[in-house]
N, C-alpha and C. Protein backbone atom coordinates (compact mmCIF):
# COMPACT_ATOMS: atom_id res chain seq x y z
N MET A 1 -17.70 -1.57 17.81
CA MET A 1 -17.56 -0.32 17.10
C MET A 1 -16.13 -0.19 16.58
N VAL A 2 -15.97 0.28 15.35
CA VAL A 2 -14.66 0.41 14.72
C VAL A 2 -14.14 1.82 14.94
N ASN A 3 -12.89 1.94 15.36
CA ASN A 3 -12.25 3.25 15.49
C ASN A 3 -11.85 3.70 14.09
N ALA A 4 -12.46 4.75 13.60
CA ALA A 4 -12.24 5.21 12.22
C ALA A 4 -10.79 5.59 11.97
N LEU A 5 -10.08 6.05 12.99
CA LEU A 5 -8.68 6.45 12.79
C LEU A 5 -7.77 5.25 12.55
N ASN A 6 -8.13 4.10 13.09
CA ASN A 6 -7.30 2.92 12.95
C ASN A 6 -7.87 1.90 11.98
N TYR A 7 -9.00 2.20 11.36
CA TYR A 7 -9.65 1.26 10.46
C TYR A 7 -8.84 1.09 9.19
N LYS A 8 -8.51 -0.15 8.89
CA LYS A 8 -7.75 -0.47 7.69
C LYS A 8 -8.47 -1.59 6.95
N PRO A 9 -9.33 -1.26 5.99
CA PRO A 9 -10.01 -2.33 5.26
C PRO A 9 -9.00 -3.20 4.52
N ASN A 10 -9.04 -4.48 4.80
CA ASN A 10 -8.14 -5.44 4.15
C ASN A 10 -6.67 -5.04 4.30
N ASP A 11 -6.29 -4.57 5.48
CA ASP A 11 -4.91 -4.15 5.76
C ASP A 11 -4.44 -3.02 4.86
N ARG A 12 -5.34 -2.17 4.46
CA ARG A 12 -4.99 -0.98 3.69
C ARG A 12 -4.77 0.18 4.64
N THR A 13 -3.81 1.01 4.32
CA THR A 13 -3.47 2.15 5.15
C THR A 13 -4.01 3.43 4.53
N LYS A 14 -4.67 4.24 5.33
CA LYS A 14 -5.22 5.51 4.85
C LYS A 14 -4.09 6.51 4.67
N ALA A 15 -4.15 7.30 3.60
CA ALA A 15 -3.09 8.28 3.31
C ALA A 15 -3.64 9.41 2.45
N LYS A 16 -2.81 10.41 2.24
CA LYS A 16 -3.08 11.50 1.31
C LYS A 16 -2.18 11.28 0.10
N LEU A 17 -2.78 11.25 -1.08
CA LEU A 17 -2.01 11.15 -2.31
C LEU A 17 -1.71 12.56 -2.79
N THR A 18 -0.44 12.85 -2.99
CA THR A 18 -0.01 14.14 -3.53
C THR A 18 0.72 13.89 -4.84
N ILE A 19 1.04 14.95 -5.54
CA ILE A 19 1.70 14.80 -6.83
C ILE A 19 3.12 15.33 -6.75
N ASN A 20 4.02 14.61 -7.41
CA ASN A 20 5.44 14.96 -7.42
C ASN A 20 5.97 14.81 -8.84
N ASP A 21 6.90 15.65 -9.18
CA ASP A 21 7.59 15.57 -10.46
C ASP A 21 8.95 14.94 -10.19
N PHE A 22 9.14 13.71 -10.59
CA PHE A 22 10.35 12.96 -10.31
C PHE A 22 11.44 13.17 -11.36
N GLN A 23 11.18 14.04 -12.35
CA GLN A 23 12.15 14.30 -13.40
C GLN A 23 13.23 15.27 -12.92
N LYS A 24 14.37 15.25 -13.58
CA LYS A 24 15.44 16.19 -13.26
C LYS A 24 14.90 17.61 -13.43
N GLY A 25 15.12 18.44 -12.40
CA GLY A 25 14.62 19.80 -12.43
C GLY A 25 13.18 19.93 -11.98
N GLY A 26 12.53 18.81 -11.64
CA GLY A 26 11.13 18.83 -11.22
C GLY A 26 10.98 19.19 -9.75
N SER A 27 9.73 19.22 -9.30
CA SER A 27 9.42 19.63 -7.93
C SER A 27 9.96 18.67 -6.88
N GLY A 28 10.35 17.47 -7.30
CA GLY A 28 10.88 16.49 -6.35
C GLY A 28 12.26 16.80 -5.84
N GLY A 29 12.90 17.81 -6.41
CA GLY A 29 14.24 18.18 -5.95
C GLY A 29 15.29 17.28 -6.57
N GLY A 30 16.04 16.60 -5.72
CA GLY A 30 17.14 15.76 -6.18
C GLY A 30 16.69 14.41 -6.69
N PRO A 31 17.66 13.59 -7.04
CA PRO A 31 17.35 12.23 -7.52
C PRO A 31 16.74 11.38 -6.40
N SER A 32 16.17 10.26 -6.77
CA SER A 32 15.50 9.40 -5.79
C SER A 32 16.50 8.84 -4.78
N GLU A 33 16.00 8.64 -3.57
CA GLU A 33 16.82 8.07 -2.50
C GLU A 33 17.20 6.62 -2.79
N CYS A 34 16.31 5.89 -3.46
CA CYS A 34 16.54 4.46 -3.68
C CYS A 34 17.61 4.18 -4.74
N SER A 35 17.58 4.94 -5.83
CA SER A 35 18.46 4.61 -6.95
C SER A 35 19.45 5.71 -7.31
N GLY A 36 19.22 6.92 -6.80
CA GLY A 36 20.06 8.04 -7.21
C GLY A 36 19.74 8.53 -8.60
N LYS A 37 18.58 8.10 -9.14
CA LYS A 37 18.19 8.45 -10.50
C LYS A 37 16.92 9.29 -10.48
N TYR A 38 16.64 9.91 -11.62
CA TYR A 38 15.39 10.62 -11.85
C TYR A 38 14.46 9.70 -12.63
N TYR A 39 13.15 9.96 -12.57
CA TYR A 39 12.17 9.13 -13.26
C TYR A 39 11.24 10.01 -14.08
N ASP A 40 10.90 9.53 -15.27
CA ASP A 40 9.95 10.23 -16.12
C ASP A 40 8.57 10.16 -15.47
N ASN A 41 7.78 11.20 -15.65
CA ASN A 41 6.44 11.25 -15.06
C ASN A 41 5.48 10.24 -15.66
N SER A 42 5.86 9.59 -16.75
CA SER A 42 5.02 8.55 -17.35
C SER A 42 5.18 7.21 -16.64
N ILE A 43 6.11 7.13 -15.70
CA ILE A 43 6.36 5.89 -14.95
C ILE A 43 5.66 6.00 -13.59
N PRO A 44 4.88 4.98 -13.21
CA PRO A 44 4.18 5.04 -11.93
C PRO A 44 5.12 4.77 -10.75
N VAL A 45 5.60 5.86 -10.14
CA VAL A 45 6.51 5.77 -9.00
C VAL A 45 6.00 6.66 -7.87
N VAL A 46 6.44 6.36 -6.64
CA VAL A 46 6.03 7.12 -5.47
C VAL A 46 7.18 7.34 -4.51
N ALA A 47 7.01 8.37 -3.69
CA ALA A 47 7.82 8.60 -2.51
C ALA A 47 6.88 8.42 -1.32
N LEU A 48 7.35 7.71 -0.30
CA LEU A 48 6.53 7.48 0.90
C LEU A 48 7.04 8.32 2.05
N SER A 49 6.13 8.74 2.93
CA SER A 49 6.52 9.44 4.15
C SER A 49 7.58 8.61 4.89
N THR A 50 8.40 9.30 5.65
CA THR A 50 9.56 8.68 6.31
C THR A 50 9.22 7.38 7.02
N ARG A 51 8.17 7.36 7.83
CA ARG A 51 7.87 6.13 8.60
C ARG A 51 7.51 4.96 7.70
N TRP A 52 6.84 5.23 6.58
CA TRP A 52 6.47 4.16 5.66
C TRP A 52 7.63 3.77 4.76
N TYR A 53 8.48 4.73 4.45
CA TYR A 53 9.68 4.47 3.64
C TYR A 53 10.59 3.50 4.38
N SER A 54 10.59 3.60 5.69
CA SER A 54 11.24 2.62 6.57
C SER A 54 12.73 2.44 6.26
N LYS A 55 13.43 3.58 6.21
CA LYS A 55 14.89 3.58 5.98
C LYS A 55 15.27 2.84 4.71
N GLY A 56 14.42 2.92 3.71
CA GLY A 56 14.72 2.32 2.41
C GLY A 56 14.30 0.87 2.25
N ARG A 57 13.70 0.29 3.28
CA ARG A 57 13.31 -1.13 3.18
C ARG A 57 12.24 -1.38 2.12
N ARG A 58 11.52 -0.34 1.73
CA ARG A 58 10.49 -0.51 0.69
C ARG A 58 10.99 -0.12 -0.70
N CYS A 59 12.25 0.25 -0.82
CA CYS A 59 12.79 0.63 -2.13
C CYS A 59 12.52 -0.44 -3.18
N PHE A 60 12.02 0.00 -4.30
CA PHE A 60 11.75 -0.81 -5.49
C PHE A 60 10.60 -1.80 -5.32
N GLU A 61 9.90 -1.77 -4.17
CA GLU A 61 8.72 -2.59 -4.00
C GLU A 61 7.53 -1.90 -4.65
N ASN A 62 6.62 -2.68 -5.17
CA ASN A 62 5.38 -2.13 -5.70
C ASN A 62 4.35 -2.07 -4.59
N ILE A 63 3.65 -0.95 -4.50
CA ILE A 63 2.54 -0.85 -3.58
C ILE A 63 1.26 -0.71 -4.39
N ASN A 64 0.15 -1.07 -3.77
CA ASN A 64 -1.17 -0.93 -4.38
C ASN A 64 -1.80 0.34 -3.84
N ILE A 65 -2.37 1.13 -4.73
CA ILE A 65 -3.01 2.39 -4.36
C ILE A 65 -4.47 2.32 -4.78
N TYR A 66 -5.37 2.64 -3.82
CA TYR A 66 -6.81 2.53 -4.04
C TYR A 66 -7.44 3.91 -3.90
N ALA A 67 -8.04 4.39 -4.97
CA ALA A 67 -8.69 5.70 -4.98
C ALA A 67 -10.14 5.57 -4.53
N ASN A 68 -10.73 6.70 -4.15
CA ASN A 68 -12.12 6.70 -3.70
C ASN A 68 -13.12 6.59 -4.85
N ASN A 69 -12.63 6.56 -6.09
CA ASN A 69 -13.51 6.38 -7.25
C ASN A 69 -13.61 4.90 -7.67
N GLY A 70 -13.01 4.00 -6.87
CA GLY A 70 -13.06 2.57 -7.16
C GLY A 70 -11.90 2.06 -7.99
N MET A 71 -11.07 2.97 -8.51
CA MET A 71 -9.92 2.57 -9.32
C MET A 71 -8.72 2.25 -8.42
N SER A 72 -7.83 1.41 -8.93
CA SER A 72 -6.59 1.11 -8.21
C SER A 72 -5.45 0.95 -9.21
N THR A 73 -4.24 1.06 -8.70
CA THR A 73 -3.05 0.91 -9.53
C THR A 73 -1.89 0.48 -8.65
N GLN A 74 -0.81 0.09 -9.29
CA GLN A 74 0.43 -0.21 -8.57
C GLN A 74 1.47 0.84 -8.94
N ALA A 75 2.37 1.10 -7.98
CA ALA A 75 3.47 2.02 -8.22
C ALA A 75 4.69 1.53 -7.45
N MET A 76 5.86 1.83 -7.99
CA MET A 76 7.11 1.42 -7.37
C MET A 76 7.62 2.51 -6.43
N VAL A 77 8.04 2.12 -5.24
CA VAL A 77 8.61 3.05 -4.27
C VAL A 77 10.04 3.36 -4.69
N VAL A 78 10.33 4.66 -4.93
CA VAL A 78 11.67 5.06 -5.35
C VAL A 78 12.27 6.16 -4.48
N ASP A 79 11.48 6.68 -3.53
CA ASP A 79 11.98 7.83 -2.79
C ASP A 79 11.29 7.96 -1.44
N GLU A 80 11.86 8.82 -0.62
CA GLU A 80 11.31 9.17 0.70
C GLU A 80 10.74 10.58 0.63
N CYS A 81 9.57 10.76 1.19
CA CYS A 81 9.01 12.09 1.40
C CYS A 81 9.39 12.43 2.85
N ASP A 82 10.49 13.12 3.01
CA ASP A 82 11.16 13.30 4.29
C ASP A 82 10.38 14.20 5.24
N THR A 83 9.92 13.62 6.35
CA THR A 83 9.15 14.40 7.33
C THR A 83 10.00 15.44 8.04
N SER A 84 11.31 15.26 8.06
CA SER A 84 12.16 16.28 8.69
C SER A 84 12.32 17.51 7.79
N ARG A 85 11.85 17.39 6.55
CA ARG A 85 11.90 18.51 5.59
C ARG A 85 10.51 19.01 5.23
N GLY A 86 9.54 18.77 6.10
CA GLY A 86 8.21 19.33 5.91
C GLY A 86 7.15 18.41 5.34
N CYS A 87 7.50 17.21 4.95
CA CYS A 87 6.51 16.26 4.44
C CYS A 87 5.71 15.71 5.62
N LYS A 88 4.41 15.69 5.51
CA LYS A 88 3.58 15.13 6.58
C LYS A 88 3.79 13.62 6.66
N ASN A 89 3.36 13.02 7.76
CA ASN A 89 3.64 11.60 7.98
C ASN A 89 2.60 10.66 7.38
N ASN A 90 1.73 11.17 6.51
CA ASN A 90 0.69 10.33 5.91
C ASN A 90 0.62 10.49 4.39
N ILE A 91 1.79 10.68 3.77
CA ILE A 91 1.83 11.05 2.35
C ILE A 91 2.34 9.90 1.47
N VAL A 92 1.63 9.70 0.36
CA VAL A 92 2.11 8.93 -0.77
C VAL A 92 2.23 9.95 -1.90
N ASP A 93 3.46 10.32 -2.22
CA ASP A 93 3.75 11.37 -3.20
C ASP A 93 3.98 10.69 -4.54
N ALA A 94 3.10 10.92 -5.51
CA ALA A 94 3.05 10.10 -6.72
C ALA A 94 3.32 10.88 -8.00
N SER A 95 3.85 10.17 -8.98
CA SER A 95 4.05 10.73 -10.32
C SER A 95 2.71 10.91 -11.01
N GLU A 96 2.71 11.70 -12.08
CA GLU A 96 1.49 11.90 -12.87
C GLU A 96 0.91 10.57 -13.36
N ALA A 97 1.78 9.62 -13.68
CA ALA A 97 1.30 8.32 -14.19
C ALA A 97 0.38 7.64 -13.19
N VAL A 98 0.67 7.74 -11.92
CA VAL A 98 -0.18 7.13 -10.89
C VAL A 98 -1.56 7.78 -10.92
N TRP A 99 -1.58 9.10 -10.96
CA TRP A 99 -2.85 9.82 -10.99
C TRP A 99 -3.68 9.43 -12.23
N LYS A 100 -3.02 9.36 -13.36
CA LYS A 100 -3.72 8.99 -14.59
C LYS A 100 -4.24 7.56 -14.52
N ASN A 101 -3.43 6.64 -13.95
CA ASN A 101 -3.86 5.25 -13.80
C ASN A 101 -5.07 5.12 -12.88
N LEU A 102 -5.23 6.08 -11.97
CA LEU A 102 -6.38 6.09 -11.07
C LEU A 102 -7.59 6.80 -11.69
N GLY A 103 -7.44 7.25 -12.92
CA GLY A 103 -8.54 7.89 -13.62
C GLY A 103 -8.80 9.32 -13.18
N ILE A 104 -7.78 9.97 -12.61
CA ILE A 104 -7.92 11.36 -12.17
C ILE A 104 -7.21 12.25 -13.19
N SER A 105 -7.95 13.16 -13.79
CA SER A 105 -7.37 14.06 -14.78
C SER A 105 -6.95 15.36 -14.10
N LYS A 106 -6.15 16.15 -14.80
CA LYS A 106 -5.70 17.43 -14.28
C LYS A 106 -6.86 18.40 -14.03
N LYS A 107 -7.97 18.18 -14.70
CA LYS A 107 -9.14 19.04 -14.53
C LYS A 107 -9.98 18.64 -13.31
N ASP A 108 -9.74 17.47 -12.77
CA ASP A 108 -10.49 16.97 -11.61
C ASP A 108 -10.11 17.80 -10.38
N PRO A 109 -11.07 18.21 -9.56
CA PRO A 109 -10.75 19.00 -8.36
C PRO A 109 -9.86 18.24 -7.36
N GLN A 110 -9.81 16.92 -7.45
CA GLN A 110 -8.96 16.14 -6.55
C GLN A 110 -7.50 16.11 -6.99
N TRP A 111 -7.22 16.53 -8.23
CA TRP A 111 -5.86 16.47 -8.77
C TRP A 111 -4.89 17.17 -7.81
N GLY A 112 -3.88 16.44 -7.38
CA GLY A 112 -2.85 17.01 -6.51
C GLY A 112 -2.98 16.67 -5.05
N LEU A 113 -4.19 16.39 -4.58
CA LEU A 113 -4.40 16.02 -3.18
C LEU A 113 -5.70 15.22 -3.06
N MET A 114 -5.56 13.96 -2.64
CA MET A 114 -6.73 13.09 -2.59
C MET A 114 -6.54 12.05 -1.48
N ASP A 115 -7.63 11.73 -0.79
CA ASP A 115 -7.59 10.65 0.19
C ASP A 115 -7.56 9.32 -0.54
N ILE A 116 -6.69 8.45 -0.08
CA ILE A 116 -6.53 7.10 -0.67
C ILE A 116 -6.31 6.09 0.44
N PHE A 117 -6.26 4.83 0.06
CA PHE A 117 -5.73 3.75 0.87
C PHE A 117 -4.63 3.11 0.06
N TRP A 118 -3.63 2.54 0.73
CA TRP A 118 -2.58 1.82 0.03
C TRP A 118 -2.21 0.57 0.82
N SER A 119 -1.58 -0.38 0.14
CA SER A 119 -1.11 -1.60 0.78
C SER A 119 0.14 -2.11 0.05
N ASP A 120 0.86 -2.98 0.74
CA ASP A 120 2.04 -3.62 0.13
C ASP A 120 1.61 -4.61 -0.91
């Protein structure tokens, strides 16, 4: 029997995909932890929860994101979703480009919060 909480198909990690505005003045707050820069929402970038961000060891790495609609995309890690500042420990916080690449439109009820799997 498989423990559903620890089940990782093909070494994929279960997470919640949220939306973040990585532009200057956006909901992401300050510049990215990895580069000290802001990113346009047309670029597929993410912030990972503190434990997955791993003190910056994943900076500039591409991760694979798998949606429940069968679509997948890659995004570059540019920031930390800091759990000491209220971010939950299971978050992949993504730019609009990631959501669009996964085929999720702003009209979709999943827009902004969706269960996903991700991998390195």
